[in-house]
């Protein structure tokens, strides 16, 4: 592919693909089976050196995928050039496949529910956490698109390691809902089952009325008096760690 070919190829795939911004996003996506029709870099030798050092398991795939282009051509297809000078497009998984994965029972790990989240970066960080803990998936309610480019950037390519969908509260997958709320019982005395839906409200307004009504149990994270709240991703991390430490586990395929 030449510099002149790149804009045409990029436009051809962009509508049905998501941007993988940087080496690590591409690395993760490949590890979890993403279909990547185009991948470019303005520093091919540097990218392959990174693969040798950090991702030898996908080094061969990267060598076959990555096309070297000029810095100008690379910058023309990404709004914010990444320090690793790597960008790729990956086909977004079908919604049907995501919904099937979320609804499948018995469930080996919880589903994280973000109730009307607002911050794109936080949503991406949560997806990264969910992938790391082996959660079944992440569901958002409200208007935020969990596949927004900024969310995918924050997730570092790990959208492809777990199911990620947007649903209404009435469409949530089956399973008991454990909703995080300051008025709930101390989570340290609660065992979170593998089939749980772990629901988190927005940092500004907390749980919506609809999600609170759907909850089977309200639980609270330990917090020092006069501290208002934790960051959303921190709350999810603490809750998933509690699940993993009380019967769940970080699993590998």
Protein backbone atom coordinates (compact mmCIF):
# COMPACT_ATOMS: atom_id res chain seq x y z
CA UNK A 1 0.00 0.00 0.00
CA UNK A 2 1.39 3.40 -0.95
CA UNK A 3 0.74 6.74 0.73
CA UNK A 4 -1.69 7.54 -2.08
CA UNK A 5 -3.59 4.28 -1.57
CA UNK A 6 -4.01 4.70 2.20
CA UNK A 7 -6.89 7.24 2.33
CA UNK A 8 -8.95 5.16 -0.12
CA UNK A 9 -8.36 1.92 1.78
CA UNK A 10 -9.06 3.62 5.10
CA UNK A 11 -12.39 5.04 3.91
CA UNK A 12 -13.38 1.67 2.47
CA UNK A 13 -13.25 -0.01 5.88
CA UNK A 14 -13.88 2.84 8.31
CA UNK A 15 -17.68 2.61 8.35
CA UNK A 16 -17.82 -0.95 9.69
CA UNK A 17 -14.63 -0.81 11.75
CA UNK A 18 -13.29 0.79 14.90
CA UNK A 19 -9.95 2.55 15.22
CA UNK A 20 -7.19 0.73 17.06
CA UNK A 21 -5.02 3.58 18.21
CA UNK A 22 -1.46 2.54 18.90
CA UNK A 23 0.62 -0.63 19.13
CA UNK A 24 -0.93 -1.94 22.35
CA UNK A 25 -4.51 -1.62 21.09
CA UNK A 26 -3.60 -3.57 17.95
CA UNK A 27 -1.69 -6.16 20.00
CA UNK A 28 -4.67 -6.79 22.29
CA UNK A 29 -7.17 -6.92 19.47
CA UNK A 30 -5.13 -9.53 17.60
CA UNK A 31 -4.74 -11.64 20.74
CA UNK A 32 -8.50 -11.83 21.10
CA UNK A 33 -9.33 -12.64 17.50
CA UNK A 34 -10.20 -9.28 15.96
CA UNK A 35 -10.45 -9.09 12.17
CA UNK A 36 -8.03 -6.33 11.10
CA UNK A 37 -8.29 -5.44 7.41
CA UNK A 38 -5.76 -2.58 7.48
CA UNK A 39 -2.89 -1.63 9.79
CA UNK A 40 -0.28 1.05 9.18
CA UNK A 41 2.75 2.55 10.87
CA UNK A 42 5.25 5.28 10.14
CA UNK A 43 7.88 3.33 12.10
CA UNK A 44 7.64 -0.31 11.03
CA UNK A 45 11.01 -1.29 12.48
CA UNK A 46 10.10 0.29 15.81
CA UNK A 47 6.73 -1.45 15.92
CA UNK A 48 8.27 -4.85 15.21
CA UNK A 49 10.91 -4.24 17.86
CA UNK A 50 8.10 -3.56 20.33
CA UNK A 51 6.51 -6.83 19.24
CA UNK A 52 9.75 -8.69 19.86
CA UNK A 53 9.97 -7.22 23.36
CA UNK A 54 6.34 -7.11 24.48
CA UNK A 55 4.22 -9.34 22.25
CA UNK A 56 6.17 -12.15 20.59
CA UNK A 57 2.94 -14.17 20.44
CA UNK A 58 1.55 -11.81 17.76
CA UNK A 59 4.83 -10.75 16.18
CA UNK A 60 4.31 -12.85 13.06
CA UNK A 61 0.77 -11.54 12.60
CA UNK A 62 1.96 -7.96 13.01
CA UNK A 63 4.75 -8.42 10.49
CA UNK A 64 2.21 -9.60 7.94
CA UNK A 65 -0.33 -6.87 8.71
CA UNK A 66 1.65 -3.69 9.25
CA UNK A 67 2.25 -1.52 6.20
CA UNK A 68 4.90 1.17 6.43
CA UNK A 69 3.79 4.65 5.33
CA UNK A 70 5.18 8.15 5.70
CA UNK A 71 4.54 10.19 8.83
CA UNK A 72 2.35 12.51 6.80
CA UNK A 73 0.20 9.66 5.46
CA UNK A 74 -0.12 8.14 8.93
CA UNK A 75 -1.15 11.47 10.44
CA UNK A 76 -3.74 11.98 7.70
CA UNK A 77 -5.89 9.05 8.92
CA UNK A 78 -5.69 9.56 12.70
CA UNK A 79 -6.77 12.68 14.54
CA UNK A 80 -4.22 12.26 17.35
CA UNK A 81 -1.07 10.42 16.24
CA UNK A 82 -0.04 7.83 18.84
CA UNK A 83 3.54 7.78 20.24
CA UNK A 84 4.01 4.26 18.81
CA UNK A 85 3.00 5.53 15.33
CA UNK A 86 0.65 2.58 14.79
CA UNK A 87 -2.99 2.68 13.70
CA UNK A 88 -5.37 -0.01 12.47
CA UNK A 89 -9.00 -0.65 11.72
CA UNK A 90 -10.75 -3.67 13.23
CA UNK A 91 -14.18 -5.01 12.32
CA UNK A 92 -16.62 -4.43 15.16
CA UNK A 93 -18.13 -7.70 16.44
CA UNK A 94 -21.78 -8.24 15.59
CA UNK A 95 -24.37 -7.09 18.10
CA UNK A 96 -26.00 -10.51 17.87
CA UNK A 97 -22.81 -12.20 19.04
CA UNK A 98 -22.45 -9.75 21.93
CA UNK A 99 -26.02 -10.24 23.10
CA UNK A 100 -25.67 -14.01 22.87
CA UNK A 101 -22.53 -13.95 25.02
CA UNK A 102 -24.20 -11.74 27.62
CA UNK A 103 -27.35 -13.85 27.84
CA UNK A 104 -25.64 -17.25 27.94
CA UNK A 105 -26.20 -19.21 31.16
CA UNK A 106 -24.67 -20.59 33.31
CA UNK A 107 -22.34 -17.60 33.52
CA UNK A 108 -18.75 -18.07 34.72
CA UNK A 109 -18.17 -14.39 35.51
CA UNK A 110 -20.27 -11.28 36.20
CA UNK A 111 -21.47 -8.67 33.76
CA UNK A 112 -20.54 -5.07 34.58
CA UNK A 113 -23.38 -2.59 34.05
CA UNK A 114 -22.58 1.11 33.74
CA UNK A 115 -25.82 2.97 34.34
CA UNK A 116 -25.92 6.14 32.25
CA UNK A 117 -22.16 6.79 32.28
CA UNK A 118 -20.91 10.18 31.10
CA UNK A 119 -17.14 10.01 30.80
CA UNK A 120 -15.79 8.25 27.70
CA UNK A 121 -12.35 7.65 29.15
CA UNK A 122 -13.76 6.11 32.31
CA UNK A 123 -15.93 3.77 30.26
CA UNK A 124 -12.86 2.64 28.33
CA UNK A 125 -10.94 2.06 31.57
CA UNK A 126 -13.81 -0.09 32.87
CA UNK A 127 -13.79 -2.24 29.74
CA UNK A 128 -10.05 -2.72 30.19
CA UNK A 129 -10.62 -3.78 33.80
CA UNK A 130 -13.45 -6.14 32.87
CA UNK A 131 -11.24 -7.82 30.29
CA UNK A 132 -8.45 -8.20 32.82
CA UNK A 133 -10.71 -9.87 35.37
CA UNK A 134 -12.33 -12.10 32.77
CA UNK A 135 -15.80 -10.56 33.18
CA UNK A 136 -18.48 -11.79 30.79
CA UNK A 137 -19.03 -8.31 29.43
CA UNK A 138 -19.77 -4.63 29.95
CA UNK A 139 -23.19 -3.14 29.33
CA UNK A 140 -23.95 0.58 29.27
CA UNK A 141 -27.37 2.20 29.58
CA UNK A 142 -28.18 5.72 28.44
CA UNK A 143 -26.74 7.67 25.55
CA UNK A 144 -23.01 6.92 25.75
CA UNK A 145 -21.84 4.66 22.94
CA UNK A 146 -19.44 2.08 24.45
CA UNK A 147 -17.82 1.71 21.01
CA UNK A 148 -17.13 5.44 20.65
CA UNK A 149 -13.53 5.99 19.43
CA UNK A 150 -12.53 7.60 22.74
CA UNK A 151 -13.90 4.62 24.67
CA UNK A 152 -12.05 2.19 22.41
CA UNK A 153 -8.89 4.23 22.92
CA UNK A 154 -9.32 4.04 26.71
CA UNK A 155 -9.94 0.29 26.45
CA UNK A 156 -6.61 -0.30 24.66
CA UNK A 157 -8.09 -2.77 22.20
CA UNK A 158 -9.67 -4.94 24.90
CA UNK A 159 -13.22 -4.45 23.62
CA UNK A 160 -12.41 -7.63 21.68
CA UNK A 161 -11.71 -9.57 24.89
CA UNK A 162 -15.22 -9.22 26.35
CA UNK A 163 -18.78 -8.52 25.20
CA UNK A 164 -19.55 -4.78 25.01
CA UNK A 165 -23.07 -3.55 24.29
CA UNK A 166 -25.51 -0.72 25.03
CA UNK A 167 -28.94 -1.77 26.36
CA UNK A 168 -31.98 -0.36 28.12
CA UNK A 169 -32.46 -1.35 31.76
CA UNK A 170 -35.40 -3.54 30.75
CA UNK A 171 -33.13 -5.40 28.29
CA UNK A 172 -30.41 -6.36 30.76
CA UNK A 173 -29.21 -9.97 30.70
CA UNK A 174 -30.60 -12.43 33.25
CA UNK A 175 -29.03 -12.65 36.69
CA UNK A 176 -29.25 -11.03 40.11
CA UNK A 177 -28.42 -7.33 40.11
CA UNK A 178 -25.98 -6.15 42.79
CA UNK A 179 -26.03 -2.37 42.57
CA UNK A 180 -23.35 -0.20 44.16
CA UNK A 181 -24.88 2.47 46.38
CA UNK A 182 -23.68 4.34 49.48
CA UNK A 183 -26.82 3.19 51.32
CA UNK A 184 -26.17 -0.48 50.61
CA UNK A 185 -24.72 -3.10 52.94
CA UNK A 186 -20.95 -3.36 53.25
CA UNK A 187 -19.70 -5.37 50.28
CA UNK A 188 -17.08 -7.04 52.46
CA UNK A 189 -19.82 -9.18 53.97
CA UNK A 190 -21.37 -10.14 50.63
CA UNK A 191 -20.40 -12.94 48.28
CA UNK A 192 -20.94 -11.89 44.67
CA UNK A 193 -22.08 -14.83 42.51
CA UNK A 194 -20.58 -15.55 39.12
CA UNK A 195 -23.90 -14.84 37.38
CA UNK A 196 -24.30 -11.40 38.97
CA UNK A 197 -24.88 -8.14 37.18
CA UNK A 198 -22.68 -5.58 38.95
CA UNK A 199 -24.29 -2.18 38.42
CA UNK A 200 -22.61 1.20 38.88
CA UNK A 201 -24.28 4.59 38.64
CA UNK A 202 -22.72 7.71 37.18
CA UNK A 203 -20.32 9.64 39.39
CA UNK A 204 -22.54 12.70 39.29
CA UNK A 205 -26.02 11.30 39.88
CA UNK A 206 -25.61 7.70 41.02
CA UNK A 207 -28.03 4.97 40.04
CA UNK A 208 -31.03 5.83 37.90
CA UNK A 209 -34.50 5.20 39.27
CA UNK A 210 -35.00 2.39 36.74
CA UNK A 211 -31.81 0.57 37.67
CA UNK A 212 -32.42 0.96 41.40
CA UNK A 213 -35.86 -0.61 40.96
CA UNK A 214 -34.29 -3.52 39.05
CA UNK A 215 -31.67 -4.16 41.75
CA UNK A 216 -31.93 -7.28 43.89
CA UNK A 217 -29.40 -6.02 46.42
CA UNK A 218 -27.66 -2.74 47.19
CA UNK A 219 -24.03 -3.00 48.30
CA UNK A 220 -21.52 -0.34 49.29
CA UNK A 221 -17.74 -0.08 49.07
CA UNK A 222 -15.92 0.83 52.28
CA UNK A 223 -15.24 4.54 52.31
CA UNK A 224 -13.90 7.01 54.84
CA UNK A 225 -16.52 9.45 56.17
CA UNK A 226 -16.69 12.78 54.34
CA UNK A 227 -15.21 11.28 51.15
CA UNK A 228 -17.88 11.76 48.50
CA UNK A 229 -17.18 8.96 46.03
CA UNK A 230 -14.62 6.92 44.16
CA UNK A 231 -13.77 7.26 40.50
CA UNK A 232 -15.97 4.93 38.45
CA UNK A 233 -13.12 2.74 37.24
CA UNK A 234 -11.78 2.48 40.80
CA UNK A 235 -15.18 1.34 42.05
CA UNK A 236 -15.39 -1.31 39.35
CA UNK A 237 -11.86 -2.50 40.10
CA UNK A 238 -12.58 -2.83 43.82
CA UNK A 239 -15.81 -4.72 43.18
CA UNK A 240 -14.33 -7.12 40.64
CA UNK A 241 -11.40 -7.75 42.95
CA UNK A 242 -13.83 -8.56 45.78
CA UNK A 243 -15.64 -10.99 43.47
CA UNK A 244 -12.40 -12.66 42.44
CA UNK A 245 -11.15 -12.88 46.03
CA UNK A 246 -14.32 -14.47 47.38
CA UNK A 247 -14.85 -17.29 44.92
CA UNK A 248 -14.42 -15.91 41.44
CA UNK A 249 -11.13 -16.00 39.60
CA UNK A 250 -9.18 -14.35 36.82
CA UNK A 251 -9.33 -17.04 34.15
CA UNK A 252 -7.44 -17.69 30.96
CA UNK A 253 -9.00 -19.35 27.89
